[in-house]
Amino acid sequence: MCNPQSLKNNTHLTKSLIGGLEESNSRLNRSGKSRIRHWAPKVKTGCMTCRIRRVKCDETKPVSLPAMLFYRKKVRRLQFSPPRAAHYGPRRGTDAFLLGITTPNLAGFFDQGRWARRLLQMSHRYPALWHAMTAVACIHRDFIANSTPITMSRMQDSPQVRLALQQWNKSIQSLQELLSGQVLTILDRLVILSVCILFITMSSLQGRLWQAFVHINGGLKLIHQWKLTDRGEDKRDEDSDLDVLLVLFTQLDSQARPYLPSLSNNLQWTDKQIILSSSTDPFKSLLEACVALEVHFNKMMQIFTNNSIYINGPDAGMQIKRQQCLLGLTEWDIRIDKYLRITPQLQDERPLLLLYVRRRLTQVALSMDLTKGELAHDDFFEDYAYMLNLMGDILKDPMNPLDSQPKRLYRVQKMSFHLETITTEPLFLIALRCREPTIRRQAVRLLRQYPRREGICEGMAALKIAERVMEIEEECLSSPGNACVYGKWICENHRVTWLQFFLVHDRQARTVVHTREDLLHGRPGREIVTTYW
């Protein structure tokens, strides 16, 4: 039974509490009425980041705006700081780095981040894609945060690398499960090709060229097997993603072409070409213009990486292919002019400048008179000067690229990585083929001042080859006069005519340089061994 005294005390306590609440209500609500609490259901659909931080989520996908702002603050601290896995944990810092730095730069100038956002969106459905993205983010962070000087070979053993290997193995297992399905949808195929691109990126960041070649060849074969280039007039949402993949695979194929004579027997490289439908309609975007231009550039590279040109000279079949490529470039010019007439002013002109550089490189290679040999490049030194000037604008170099006596520019040399071909390949070709002293030395300066790895092209390796070629060719300037023949700037016999590229092992390549004099006398060329940073 209840104690009467305790019941009386509880009643008194209850009345005092009610009186205190009424007094509080009278202070808070001047009308004297009790405050009515409006109940609302608890929201559980916000993203995990906002729920952990207890902030309001706008629930946009794949990443909400509060989460994006939060990751940006983290990225500023993580971008150039050494990895501190013991403090942050390997996964937490990797997610911020993946979102803020790695994925926005994968597709390059022309996609404006759309493909990167699609990768994040698709990764929620495909574990193979998510694990591959995490692995690439780990390797990318280890690459740009490494403090080893770019003149030395860096070590590749760290917590980030070990985490990347675990994620890479998980991605392969998930990819095998995806490929074991009966029917692959168009989205499944785009994911598989995207994972292939990420594997190429990871191999290139580690300097493992053989693995990169295997993945490039596999991706190209899948594109042709699935006939992904056969598209009608109707533009689908997946076509923009496919355009990005076509640009990347085509550029990587062009970069791999110089190595194929020494690798094709082992890899069985595909000889099929990407054929786009002919049209005179204006391009719908710079991305579409880039796809068409890279197809023409790739055809040009296939023509000029044939070793028989340097030994037996051009044949009739090659001349027909050159004329077809030139007609394709003329069609491209008409379409890009129409696009620019109906397009408002571009916010960033660097993508357009890059297209102009690639366009001019293709035209110079296809238009020169091959009967003149290396002397044919002298007729286009103004074109090389034009491309060098555009390269300075793309890199935002503060110096005049055509200055014969440039001032010293003190800048910390930090290696950067880009999957898209931007500056390394054009600057290397300018330094290699243009014999005008000012132009080629400025191209070498830009290679040294802005060290990059783009796709599978190593900027420091390209710099070493270009400097060695300059030394070999300029030997004629101090040699006896009877040893040289005619030629502007560099005599014809001392010009490097043929370069052969070989893989020594994963992170080391060998380049054999042949001058015209070497080929005439049957002498072996001089070797240049380059090591990837």
Protein backbone atom coordinates (compact mmCIF):
# COMPACT_ATOMS: atom_id res chain seq x y z
CA MET A 1 0.00 0.00 0.00
CA CYS A 2 1.10 3.54 -0.69
CA ASN A 3 2.29 5.64 2.19
CA PRO A 4 -0.21 8.53 2.71
CA GLN A 5 2.60 10.86 3.70
CA SER A 6 4.58 10.13 0.48
CA LEU A 7 1.44 10.54 -1.63
CA LYS A 8 0.89 13.93 -0.02
CA ASN A 9 4.48 14.97 -0.71
CA ASN A 10 4.21 13.87 -4.38
CA THR A 11 1.01 15.87 -4.82
CA HIS A 12 2.68 18.94 -3.39
CA LEU A 13 5.70 18.46 -5.71
CA THR A 14 3.48 18.08 -8.76
CA LYS A 15 1.59 21.31 -7.96
CA SER A 16 4.85 23.21 -7.52
CA LEU A 17 6.16 21.97 -10.90
CA ILE A 18 2.94 22.94 -12.66
CA GLY A 19 3.08 26.34 -11.06
CA GLY A 20 6.69 26.82 -12.21
CA LEU A 21 5.79 25.86 -15.79
CA GLU A 22 2.83 28.24 -15.81
CA GLU A 23 5.10 31.02 -14.61
CA SER A 24 7.61 30.18 -17.33
CA ASN A 25 4.86 30.17 -19.96
CA SER A 26 3.64 33.53 -18.76
CA ARG A 27 7.15 34.92 -19.20
CA LEU A 28 7.72 33.40 -22.65
CA ASN A 29 4.22 33.96 -24.05
CA ARG A 30 2.95 37.42 -23.20
CA SER A 31 -0.55 36.38 -24.30
CA GLY A 32 -0.67 34.06 -21.31
CA LYS A 33 -1.49 31.03 -23.46
CA SER A 34 0.50 27.82 -23.24
CA ARG A 35 3.04 27.18 -26.00
CA ILE A 36 1.96 24.51 -28.48
CA ARG A 37 4.74 22.29 -29.83
CA HIS A 38 4.40 21.32 -33.48
CA TRP A 39 5.57 17.77 -34.05
CA ALA A 40 7.35 16.80 -37.30
CA PRO A 41 8.64 13.42 -38.46
CA LYS A 42 12.37 12.86 -38.06
CA VAL A 43 14.15 13.00 -41.45
CA LYS A 44 16.46 10.06 -42.16
CA THR A 45 17.09 10.60 -45.87
CA GLY A 46 19.98 13.07 -45.55
CA CYS A 47 23.47 12.04 -46.52
CA MET A 48 25.69 10.40 -43.95
CA THR A 49 28.07 13.36 -43.75
CA CYS A 50 25.31 15.84 -42.84
CA ARG A 51 23.76 13.41 -40.35
CA ILE A 52 27.08 12.93 -38.58
CA ARG A 53 27.74 16.68 -38.50
CA ARG A 54 24.08 17.36 -37.52
CA VAL A 55 23.49 19.98 -40.18
CA LYS A 56 20.57 20.41 -42.55
CA CYS A 57 21.05 18.43 -45.78
CA ASP A 58 19.65 19.58 -49.13
CA GLU A 59 19.65 15.89 -50.22
CA THR A 60 21.12 16.57 -53.67
CA LYS A 61 22.85 13.63 -55.30
CA PRO A 62 25.47 12.29 -55.57
CA VAL A 63 26.88 14.76 -53.02
CA SER A 64 24.95 17.38 -51.06
CA LEU A 65 26.11 21.00 -50.97
CA PRO A 66 26.96 21.06 -47.20
CA ALA A 67 29.02 17.90 -47.63
CA MET A 68 30.78 19.36 -50.68
CA LEU A 69 31.72 22.51 -48.75
CA PHE A 70 32.91 20.40 -45.83
CA TYR A 71 35.12 18.27 -48.11
CA ARG A 72 36.58 21.35 -49.80
CA LYS A 73 37.89 22.60 -46.47
CA LYS A 74 39.46 19.20 -45.83
CA VAL A 75 40.97 19.09 -49.32
CA ARG A 76 42.85 22.35 -48.75
CA ARG A 77 44.62 20.72 -45.85
CA LEU A 78 45.11 17.36 -47.58
CA GLN A 79 46.20 18.49 -51.05
CA PHE A 80 49.92 18.95 -50.43
CA SER A 81 50.27 17.60 -46.91
CA PRO A 82 52.05 14.28 -46.34
CA PRO A 83 49.73 11.35 -45.58
CA ARG A 84 49.03 10.92 -41.86
CA ALA A 85 47.19 7.63 -41.79
CA ALA A 86 47.81 7.08 -38.11
CA HIS A 87 45.92 10.25 -37.24
CA TYR A 88 43.15 10.50 -39.77
CA GLY A 89 42.79 6.88 -40.74
CA PRO A 90 43.52 5.86 -44.34
CA ARG A 91 39.92 5.87 -45.59
CA ARG A 92 38.75 9.20 -44.19
CA GLY A 93 41.41 11.30 -45.90
CA THR A 94 41.13 9.25 -49.09
CA ASP A 95 37.41 9.98 -49.48
CA ALA A 96 37.99 13.73 -49.27
CA PHE A 97 40.92 13.53 -51.69
CA LEU A 98 38.89 11.43 -54.12
CA LEU A 99 36.00 13.87 -54.11
CA GLY A 100 37.96 17.12 -54.15
CA ILE A 101 41.03 16.46 -56.31
CA THR A 102 41.21 13.15 -58.16
CA THR A 103 37.83 12.73 -59.84
CA PRO A 104 37.32 16.35 -61.01
CA ASN A 105 40.58 16.17 -62.98
CA LEU A 106 40.16 12.75 -64.56
CA ALA A 107 38.23 13.88 -67.63
CA GLY A 108 40.25 17.04 -68.26
CA PHE A 109 39.19 20.36 -69.75
CA PHE A 110 36.32 19.36 -71.99
CA ASP A 111 33.91 17.56 -69.68
CA GLN A 112 33.75 20.34 -67.03
CA GLY A 113 33.41 17.81 -64.22
CA ARG A 114 30.26 16.10 -65.48
CA TRP A 115 31.91 12.72 -65.98
CA ALA A 116 33.45 12.91 -62.51
CA ARG A 117 30.04 13.49 -60.96
CA ARG A 118 28.63 10.60 -62.95
CA LEU A 119 31.41 8.37 -61.64
CA LEU A 120 30.44 9.20 -58.07
CA GLN A 121 26.80 8.55 -58.87
CA MET A 122 27.44 5.22 -60.57
CA SER A 123 29.81 4.08 -57.82
CA HIS A 124 26.84 3.77 -55.42
CA ARG A 125 25.51 0.95 -57.60
CA TYR A 126 28.78 -0.65 -58.73
CA PRO A 127 31.29 -1.73 -56.06
CA ALA A 128 33.93 -2.35 -58.75
CA LEU A 129 33.87 1.33 -59.66
CA TRP A 130 33.94 2.54 -56.08
CA HIS A 131 36.91 0.38 -55.07
CA ALA A 132 38.81 1.38 -58.23
CA MET A 133 38.18 5.08 -57.53
CA THR A 134 39.42 4.67 -53.96
CA ALA A 135 42.57 2.88 -55.16
CA VAL A 136 43.34 5.63 -57.67
CA ALA A 137 42.78 8.33 -55.04
CA CYS A 138 45.28 6.61 -52.71
CA ILE A 139 47.95 6.35 -55.41
CA HIS A 140 47.25 9.89 -56.66
CA ARG A 141 47.64 11.36 -53.19
CA ASP A 142 50.86 9.45 -52.64
CA PHE A 143 52.07 10.70 -56.05
CA ILE A 144 51.57 14.45 -55.53
CA ALA A 145 52.38 14.49 -51.80
CA ASN A 146 55.69 12.63 -52.23
CA SER A 147 58.62 14.81 -51.18
CA THR A 148 61.25 12.95 -53.23
CA PRO A 149 62.99 15.29 -55.72
CA ILE A 150 61.85 14.71 -59.29
CA THR A 151 65.45 14.00 -60.31
CA MET A 152 65.49 10.88 -58.10
CA SER A 153 63.51 7.65 -58.24
CA ARG A 154 60.86 7.55 -55.52
CA MET A 155 59.92 4.64 -53.28
CA GLN A 156 56.50 3.05 -53.76
CA ASP A 157 55.78 1.58 -50.36
CA SER A 158 53.52 3.54 -48.03
CA PRO A 159 50.20 3.08 -46.18
CA GLN A 160 48.42 4.74 -49.09
CA VAL A 161 49.93 2.30 -51.60
CA ARG A 162 49.05 -0.70 -49.44
CA LEU A 163 45.47 0.52 -49.07
CA ALA A 164 45.31 1.05 -52.84
CA LEU A 165 46.40 -2.56 -53.44
CA GLN A 166 43.61 -3.84 -51.19
CA GLN A 167 41.01 -1.71 -52.97
CA TRP A 168 42.37 -2.74 -56.36
CA ASN A 169 41.95 -6.44 -55.49
CA LYS A 170 38.38 -5.80 -54.31
CA SER A 171 37.63 -3.95 -57.54
CA ILE A 172 38.88 -6.88 -59.62
CA GLN A 173 36.69 -9.31 -57.66
CA SER A 174 33.62 -7.10 -58.12
CA LEU A 175 34.43 -6.65 -61.81
CA GLN A 176 34.57 -10.41 -62.29
CA GLU A 177 31.11 -10.71 -60.73
CA LEU A 178 29.80 -8.01 -63.06
CA LEU A 179 31.27 -9.66 -66.16
CA SER A 180 29.81 -13.03 -65.19
CA GLY A 181 26.28 -11.71 -65.79
CA GLN A 182 24.29 -12.89 -68.79
CA VAL A 183 23.44 -9.54 -70.41
CA LEU A 184 25.34 -6.27 -69.96
CA THR A 185 23.39 -3.04 -70.19
CA ILE A 186 24.84 0.13 -71.72
CA LEU A 187 25.45 1.43 -68.19
CA ASP A 188 27.27 -1.78 -67.26
CA ARG A 189 29.56 -1.34 -70.26
CA LEU A 190 30.28 2.28 -69.43
CA VAL A 191 31.18 1.26 -65.88
CA ILE A 192 33.52 -1.47 -67.14
CA LEU A 193 35.30 0.98 -69.46
CA SER A 194 35.50 3.52 -66.64
CA VAL A 195 37.09 0.94 -64.37
CA CYS A 196 39.53 0.18 -67.18
CA ILE A 197 40.43 3.90 -67.36
CA LEU A 198 40.98 3.95 -63.61
CA PHE A 199 43.25 0.91 -63.85
CA ILE A 200 45.26 2.73 -66.56
CA THR A 201 45.48 5.77 -64.30
CA MET A 202 46.71 3.70 -61.39
CA SER A 203 49.32 1.95 -63.56
CA SER A 204 50.56 5.25 -64.99
CA LEU A 205 50.84 6.87 -61.56
CA GLN A 206 53.04 3.98 -60.47
CA GLY A 207 55.07 4.05 -63.70
CA ARG A 208 54.00 0.51 -64.68
CA LEU A 209 53.80 0.99 -68.43
CA TRP A 210 53.31 -2.66 -69.33
CA GLN A 211 50.18 -2.88 -67.17
CA ALA A 212 48.94 0.39 -68.69
CA PHE A 213 49.41 -0.99 -72.22
CA VAL A 214 47.45 -4.12 -71.33
CA HIS A 215 44.50 -2.10 -70.00
CA ILE A 216 44.56 0.33 -72.96
CA ASN A 217 44.50 -2.53 -75.44
CA GLY A 218 41.72 -4.28 -73.52
CA GLY A 219 39.57 -1.15 -73.41
CA LEU A 220 40.00 -0.49 -77.14
CA LYS A 221 39.02 -4.05 -77.98
CA LEU A 222 35.86 -3.74 -75.84
CA ILE A 223 34.90 -0.48 -77.58
CA HIS A 224 35.12 -2.15 -80.99
CA GLN A 225 33.52 -5.40 -79.82
CA TRP A 226 30.51 -3.57 -78.34
CA LYS A 227 30.34 -1.18 -81.34
CA LEU A 228 30.02 1.82 -79.06
CA THR A 229 30.99 4.25 -81.83
CA ASP A 230 27.90 3.34 -83.89
CA ARG A 231 25.44 5.99 -82.75
CA GLY A 232 22.46 7.53 -84.45
CA GLU A 233 21.34 11.14 -84.56
CA ASP A 234 19.50 10.97 -81.23
CA LYS A 235 21.77 12.05 -78.39
CA ARG A 236 21.40 10.00 -75.23
CA ASP A 237 22.56 10.88 -71.75
CA GLU A 238 25.19 8.13 -71.83
CA ASP A 239 26.73 9.48 -75.04
CA SER A 240 28.48 12.34 -73.23
CA ASP A 241 30.08 9.81 -70.88
CA LEU A 242 31.06 7.71 -73.87
CA ASP A 243 32.59 10.75 -75.59
CA VAL A 244 34.88 11.29 -72.60
CA LEU A 245 35.94 7.65 -72.71
CA LEU A 246 36.56 7.82 -76.47
CA VAL A 247 38.77 10.89 -76.04
CA LEU A 248 40.82 9.26 -73.29
CA PHE A 249 41.23 5.90 -75.03
CA THR A 250 42.11 7.54 -78.35
CA GLN A 251 44.73 9.77 -76.75
CA LEU A 252 46.21 6.84 -74.85
CA ASP A 253 46.32 4.80 -78.06
CA SER A 254 48.19 7.66 -79.76
CA GLN A 255 50.68 7.80 -76.88
CA ALA A 256 51.28 4.04 -77.04
CA ARG A 257 51.87 3.96 -80.82
CA PRO A 258 55.65 4.66 -80.70
CA TYR A 259 56.13 1.59 -78.46
CA LEU A 260 54.02 -0.80 -80.54
CA PRO A 261 56.73 -2.03 -82.97
CA SER A 262 58.48 -3.59 -79.97
CA LEU A 263 55.30 -4.72 -78.15
CA SER A 264 52.70 -5.67 -80.76
CA ASN A 265 53.73 -9.33 -80.95
CA ASN A 266 53.18 -9.81 -77.22
CA LEU A 267 50.08 -7.65 -76.79
CA GLN A 268 48.37 -8.30 -80.15
CA TRP A 269 47.37 -4.66 -80.36
CA THR A 270 44.09 -3.94 -82.11
CA ASP A 271 44.41 -2.36 -85.57
CA LYS A 272 40.79 -1.25 -85.78
CA GLN A 273 40.18 2.47 -86.01
CA ILE A 274 37.36 4.54 -84.55
CA ILE A 275 35.26 5.74 -87.48
CA LEU A 276 32.83 8.59 -86.91
CA SER A 277 30.03 9.47 -89.29
CA SER A 278 30.78 12.29 -91.73
CA SER A 279 28.82 15.49 -91.16
CA THR A 280 28.95 19.23 -91.81
CA ASP A 281 26.64 20.15 -88.93
CA PRO A 282 28.15 22.30 -86.18
CA PHE A 283 29.52 20.53 -83.14
CA LYS A 284 27.19 20.48 -80.15
CA SER A 285 30.02 20.89 -77.65
CA LEU A 286 33.80 21.20 -77.43
CA LEU A 287 33.82 17.62 -76.15
CA GLU A 288 32.30 16.40 -79.41
CA ALA A 289 34.84 18.47 -81.35
CA CYS A 290 37.64 16.94 -79.28
CA VAL A 291 36.45 13.40 -80.09
CA ALA A 292 36.51 14.09 -83.83
CA LEU A 293 39.92 15.78 -83.69
CA GLU A 294 41.52 13.02 -81.63
CA VAL A 295 40.34 10.44 -84.15
CA HIS A 296 42.18 12.35 -86.92
CA PHE A 297 45.25 12.78 -84.69
CA ASN A 298 45.26 9.05 -83.97
CA LYS A 299 45.14 8.23 -87.69
CA MET A 300 48.10 10.54 -88.24
CA MET A 301 50.05 8.78 -85.48
CA GLN A 302 49.32 5.38 -87.01
CA ILE A 303 50.75 6.61 -90.31
CA PHE A 304 53.95 8.10 -88.92
CA THR A 305 54.79 5.35 -86.42
CA ASN A 306 55.27 2.89 -89.26
CA ASN A 307 59.00 2.11 -89.36
CA SER A 308 58.99 1.50 -93.12
CA ILE A 309 58.62 5.26 -93.71
CA TYR A 310 62.07 5.95 -92.27
CA ILE A 311 63.72 3.09 -94.13
CA ASN A 312 61.94 2.78 -97.50
CA GLY A 313 60.15 6.12 -97.70
CA PRO A 314 56.40 6.78 -98.19
CA ASP A 315 54.33 4.56 -100.48
CA ALA A 316 51.11 5.12 -102.44
CA GLY A 317 48.86 3.72 -99.72
CA MET A 318 50.28 6.13 -97.20
CA GLN A 319 49.67 9.08 -99.51
CA ILE A 320 45.99 8.11 -99.81
CA LYS A 321 45.64 7.93 -96.03
CA ARG A 322 47.27 11.35 -95.68
CA GLN A 323 44.83 12.92 -98.14
CA GLN A 324 41.88 11.37 -96.34
CA CYS A 325 43.08 12.79 -93.03
CA LEU A 326 43.55 16.24 -94.56
CA LEU A 327 39.98 16.16 -95.90
CA GLY A 328 38.78 15.18 -92.44
CA LEU A 329 40.62 18.17 -90.92
CA THR A 330 38.98 20.51 -93.43
CA GLU A 331 35.57 19.16 -92.42
CA TRP A 332 36.52 19.63 -88.77
CA ASP A 333 37.43 23.28 -89.41
CA ILE A 334 34.01 23.97 -90.94
CA ARG A 335 32.16 22.37 -88.03
CA ILE A 336 34.16 24.16 -85.31
CA ASP A 337 33.67 27.53 -87.04
CA LYS A 338 29.91 26.98 -87.10
CA TYR A 339 29.96 26.00 -83.44
CA LEU A 340 31.85 29.13 -82.40
CA ARG A 341 29.45 31.38 -84.33
CA ILE A 342 26.41 30.14 -82.43
CA THR A 343 28.13 29.75 -79.04
CA PRO A 344 28.45 32.62 -76.56
CA GLN A 345 31.85 33.65 -75.31
CA LEU A 346 33.66 30.87 -73.50
CA GLN A 347 34.47 31.37 -69.82
CA ASP A 348 37.69 29.36 -70.13
CA GLU A 349 39.47 29.51 -73.50
CA ARG A 350 42.13 26.95 -72.65
CA PRO A 351 40.13 23.96 -74.01
CA LEU A 352 39.75 25.75 -77.34
CA LEU A 353 43.46 26.67 -77.39
CA LEU A 354 44.34 23.04 -76.76
CA LEU A 355 42.19 21.98 -79.71
CA TYR A 356 43.99 24.49 -81.92
CA VAL A 357 47.36 23.07 -80.86
CA ARG A 358 46.32 19.49 -81.61
CA ARG A 359 44.82 20.62 -84.91
CA ARG A 360 48.02 22.38 -85.98
CA LEU A 361 50.23 19.44 -84.98
CA THR A 362 48.13 17.13 -87.14
CA GLN A 363 48.19 19.50 -90.09
CA VAL A 364 51.97 19.99 -89.96
CA ALA A 365 52.62 16.24 -89.95
CA LEU A 366 50.23 15.57 -92.84
CA SER A 367 51.20 18.58 -95.00
CA MET A 368 54.99 18.36 -95.08
CA ASP A 369 56.90 17.14 -98.11
CA LEU A 370 58.35 13.82 -96.99
CA THR A 371 60.86 13.76 -99.85
CA LYS A 372 62.80 16.49 -98.03
CA GLY A 373 63.22 14.32 -94.95
CA GLU A 374 63.77 16.20 -91.71
CA LEU A 375 64.43 19.43 -93.65
CA ALA A 376 60.68 19.58 -94.30
CA HIS A 377 60.12 20.74 -90.70
CA ASP A 378 61.97 23.99 -91.43
CA ASP A 379 59.08 25.11 -93.64
CA PHE A 380 56.78 25.08 -90.61
CA PHE A 381 58.81 26.88 -87.95
CA GLU A 382 56.13 29.61 -87.84
CA ASP A 383 53.55 26.93 -87.02
CA TYR A 384 55.77 25.67 -84.21
CA ALA A 385 56.09 29.24 -82.89
CA TYR A 386 52.29 29.58 -82.98
CA MET A 387 51.82 26.34 -81.02
CA LEU A 388 54.49 27.33 -78.50
CA ASN A 389 52.70 30.61 -77.87
CA LEU A 390 49.43 28.76 -77.23
CA MET A 391 51.22 26.40 -74.86
CA GLY A 392 52.36 29.37 -72.80
CA ASP A 393 48.75 30.60 -72.59
CA ILE A 394 47.46 27.16 -71.55
CA LEU A 395 50.10 26.84 -68.82
CA LYS A 396 49.60 30.50 -67.85
CA ASP A 397 53.34 30.99 -68.08
CA PRO A 398 54.25 34.59 -67.10
CA MET A 399 57.12 34.81 -69.58
CA ASN A 400 57.09 35.50 -73.29
CA PRO A 401 57.56 32.07 -74.91
CA LEU A 402 59.35 33.59 -77.89
CA ASP A 403 61.89 35.57 -75.84
CA SER A 404 65.38 34.63 -76.98
CA GLN A 405 66.89 35.52 -73.56
CA PRO A 406 64.28 34.65 -70.93
CA LYS A 407 64.75 35.68 -67.33
CA ARG A 408 65.09 33.04 -64.66
CA LEU A 409 61.77 32.12 -63.11
CA TYR A 410 62.05 30.74 -59.60
CA ARG A 411 59.28 28.21 -59.18
CA VAL A 412 59.05 25.09 -57.05
CA GLN A 413 59.05 22.14 -59.42
CA LYS A 414 56.24 19.84 -58.33
CA MET A 415 55.23 16.86 -60.42
CA SER A 416 51.53 16.83 -61.35
CA PHE A 417 49.37 14.23 -63.06
CA HIS A 418 46.66 14.62 -65.69
CA LEU A 419 44.97 11.76 -67.50
CA GLU A 420 44.25 13.94 -70.52
CA THR A 421 47.00 14.95 -72.98
CA ILE A 422 47.55 18.69 -72.58
CA THR A 423 51.12 20.00 -72.88
CA THR A 424 53.75 17.25 -72.54
CA GLU A 425 53.28 15.65 -75.95
CA PRO A 426 53.05 18.93 -77.97
CA LEU A 427 56.07 20.47 -76.20
CA PHE A 428 58.10 17.31 -76.76
CA LEU A 429 57.28 17.26 -80.49
CA ILE A 430 58.12 20.96 -80.83
CA ALA A 431 61.48 20.51 -79.08
CA LEU A 432 62.20 17.41 -81.15
CA ARG A 433 61.27 18.56 -84.65
CA CYS A 434 61.71 22.34 -84.72
CA ARG A 435 65.39 23.23 -85.18
CA GLU A 436 64.98 26.99 -84.70
CA PRO A 437 67.07 27.56 -81.54
CA THR A 438 64.77 29.95 -79.66
CA ILE A 439 61.60 27.93 -80.20
CA ARG A 440 63.03 24.56 -79.24
CA ARG A 441 64.81 25.92 -76.16
CA GLN A 442 61.65 27.58 -74.96
CA ALA A 443 59.78 24.28 -75.41
CA VAL A 444 62.47 22.57 -73.31
CA ARG A 445 62.17 25.30 -70.67
CA LEU A 446 58.40 24.77 -70.38
CA LEU A 447 58.93 21.01 -70.05
CA ARG A 448 61.40 21.63 -67.24
CA GLN A 449 59.40 24.39 -65.57
CA TYR A 450 56.08 22.51 -65.54
CA PRO A 451 56.88 18.81 -64.96
CA ARG A 452 53.84 16.66 -65.64
CA ARG A 453 52.78 13.13 -66.31
CA GLU A 454 49.89 13.06 -68.77
CA GLY A 455 48.39 9.68 -69.54
CA ILE A 456 51.44 7.46 -69.98
CA CYS A 457 53.73 10.33 -71.09
CA GLU A 458 56.37 11.21 -68.51
CA GLY A 459 57.36 14.88 -68.77
CA MET A 460 60.82 14.45 -67.22
CA ALA A 461 61.60 11.51 -69.50
CA ALA A 462 60.50 13.58 -72.50
CA LEU A 463 62.75 16.42 -71.28
CA LYS A 464 65.78 14.12 -71.04
CA ILE A 465 65.22 12.77 -74.56
CA ALA A 466 64.71 16.26 -76.02
CA GLU A 467 67.89 17.61 -74.38
CA ARG A 468 69.93 14.61 -75.60
CA VAL A 469 68.59 15.02 -79.15
CA MET A 470 69.60 18.69 -79.08
CA GLU A 471 73.13 17.72 -78.01
CA ILE A 472 73.44 15.15 -80.80
CA GLU A 473 72.14 17.49 -83.48
CA GLU A 474 74.23 20.47 -82.38
CA GLU A 475 77.45 18.49 -82.61
CA CYS A 476 77.62 19.67 -86.21
CA LEU A 477 78.04 23.26 -85.03
CA SER A 478 81.51 22.43 -83.67
CA SER A 479 82.47 19.73 -86.19
CA PRO A 480 84.70 20.29 -89.28
CA GLY A 481 82.93 21.93 -92.20
CA ASN A 482 83.41 19.00 -94.57
CA ALA A 483 81.41 16.73 -92.26
CA CYS A 484 78.19 18.69 -92.74
CA VAL A 485 75.84 19.14 -95.66
CA TYR A 486 73.24 21.81 -96.38
CA GLY A 487 70.50 22.63 -93.91
CA LYS A 488 69.18 25.61 -91.98
CA TRP A 489 70.19 25.74 -88.28
CA ILE A 490 71.15 22.02 -88.26
CA CYS A 491 72.63 20.19 -91.21
CA GLU A 492 70.66 17.36 -92.79
CA ASN A 493 73.03 14.52 -91.90
CA HIS A 494 73.14 15.38 -88.18
CA ARG A 495 69.39 15.62 -87.74
CA VAL A 496 67.69 12.88 -85.73
CA THR A 497 65.46 11.07 -88.19
CA TRP A 498 64.22 7.99 -86.36
CA LEU A 499 63.48 7.22 -82.70
CA GLN A 500 62.81 3.71 -81.40
CA PHE A 501 61.17 3.17 -78.00
CA PHE A 502 61.58 0.01 -75.89
CA LEU A 503 60.48 -0.99 -72.41
CA VAL A 504 63.34 -2.20 -70.21
CA HIS A 505 61.04 -2.94 -67.26
CA ASP A 506 58.03 -1.35 -65.60
CA ARG A 507 59.57 1.99 -64.68
CA GLN A 508 62.36 2.25 -67.21
CA ALA A 509 62.36 2.80 -70.98
CA ARG A 510 65.10 2.82 -73.59
CA THR A 511 65.12 5.16 -76.58
CA VAL A 512 67.42 4.56 -79.57
CA VAL A 513 68.16 7.71 -81.58
CA HIS A 514 69.20 7.47 -85.25
CA THR A 515 70.49 10.40 -87.29
CA ARG A 516 70.35 10.43 -91.06
CA GLU A 517 74.09 9.81 -91.12
CA ASP A 518 73.62 6.71 -88.96
CA LEU A 519 71.01 5.31 -91.36
CA LEU A 520 73.17 6.02 -94.44
CA HIS A 521 76.21 4.24 -92.99
CA GLY A 522 74.29 1.48 -91.23
CA ARG A 523 75.55 2.49 -87.80
CA PRO A 524 73.66 1.67 -84.60
CA GLY A 525 71.93 4.56 -82.96
CA ARG A 526 72.69 6.09 -79.58
CA GLU A 527 70.71 4.91 -76.57
CA ILE A 528 68.94 7.03 -73.96
CA VAL A 529 67.69 5.27 -70.81
CA THR A 530 64.95 7.11 -68.92
CA THR A 531 63.45 6.21 -65.55
CA TYR A 532 59.95 7.19 -64.46
CA TRP A 533 59.74 9.23 -61.27
